[in-house]
Amino acid sequence: MKQTINQKRPKYQERLNVIKLEIDYELMSLYDALRTKDETSKEDSIRRLQQLRNDLSKMSYLK
């Protein structure tokens, strides 16, 4: 049982790190869209950030 939990933990941590990197990237994209006043890119970034926030919430719930 303990071995199974220890095997799942690295996968959980890896996915958590990937989500954080994706959030950082989308924040940079949103910043660029705001600076250039690109409404389409802005909306896309906001939608993606909302999805990533939901994923992060699910990960926290599963922990």
Protein backbone atom coordinates (compact mmCIF):
# COMPACT_ATOMS: atom_id res chain seq x y z
CA MET A 1 0.00 0.00 0.00
CA LYS A 2 2.73 2.44 1.00
CA GLN A 3 4.63 1.65 -2.19
CA THR A 4 1.58 2.51 -4.31
CA ILE A 5 1.17 5.85 -2.58
CA ASN A 6 4.84 6.66 -3.07
CA GLN A 7 4.56 5.85 -6.79
CA LYS A 8 1.61 8.19 -7.25
CA ARG A 9 3.21 11.08 -5.39
CA PRO A 10 5.90 11.84 -8.03
CA LYS A 11 3.25 11.84 -10.78
CA TYR A 12 1.12 14.21 -8.72
CA GLN A 13 4.08 16.51 -8.07
CA GLU A 14 5.12 16.41 -11.73
CA ARG A 15 1.62 17.35 -12.91
CA LEU A 16 1.45 20.13 -10.31
CA ASN A 17 4.74 21.57 -11.58
CA VAL A 18 3.52 21.43 -15.18
CA ILE A 19 0.34 23.31 -14.27
CA LYS A 20 2.36 26.00 -12.51
CA LEU A 21 4.60 26.42 -15.57
CA GLU A 22 1.55 26.65 -17.83
CA ILE A 23 0.06 29.32 -15.57
CA ASP A 24 3.29 31.33 -15.75
CA TYR A 25 3.30 31.08 -19.54
CA GLU A 26 -0.34 32.13 -19.84
CA LEU A 27 0.24 35.08 -17.54
CA MET A 28 3.05 36.23 -19.83
CA SER A 29 0.77 35.76 -22.84
CA LEU A 30 -1.98 37.74 -21.14
CA TYR A 31 0.46 40.54 -20.31
CA ASP A 32 1.58 40.71 -23.96
CA ALA A 33 -2.03 40.73 -25.15
CA LEU A 34 -2.89 43.56 -22.77
CA ARG A 35 0.12 45.60 -23.89
CA THR A 36 -0.73 45.19 -27.59
CA LYS A 37 -4.49 45.53 -26.97
CA ASP A 38 -5.16 42.19 -28.69
CA GLU A 39 -8.64 41.31 -27.47
CA THR A 40 -8.71 37.83 -29.03
CA SER A 41 -5.46 36.75 -27.39
CA LYS A 42 -6.57 38.34 -24.14
CA GLU A 43 -9.78 36.33 -24.06
CA ASP A 44 -7.95 33.12 -25.01
CA SER A 45 -5.43 33.63 -22.20
CA ILE A 46 -8.15 34.37 -19.67
CA ARG A 47 -10.05 31.22 -20.67
CA ARG A 48 -6.90 29.12 -20.45
CA LEU A 49 -6.02 30.58 -17.04
CA GLN A 50 -9.49 29.76 -15.76
CA GLN A 51 -9.07 26.17 -16.96
CA LEU A 52 -5.66 25.91 -15.32
CA ARG A 53 -7.08 27.31 -12.09
CA ASN A 54 -9.77 24.63 -12.16
CA ASP A 55 -7.13 21.95 -12.79
CA LEU A 56 -5.08 23.26 -9.88
CA SER A 57 -8.15 23.20 -7.62
CA LYS A 58 -8.86 19.60 -8.60
CA MET A 59 -5.26 18.66 -7.87
CA SER A 60 -5.50 20.26 -4.43
CA TYR A 61 -8.73 18.39 -3.78
CA LEU A 62 -7.18 15.04 -4.79
CA LYS A 63 -4.15 15.52 -2.57
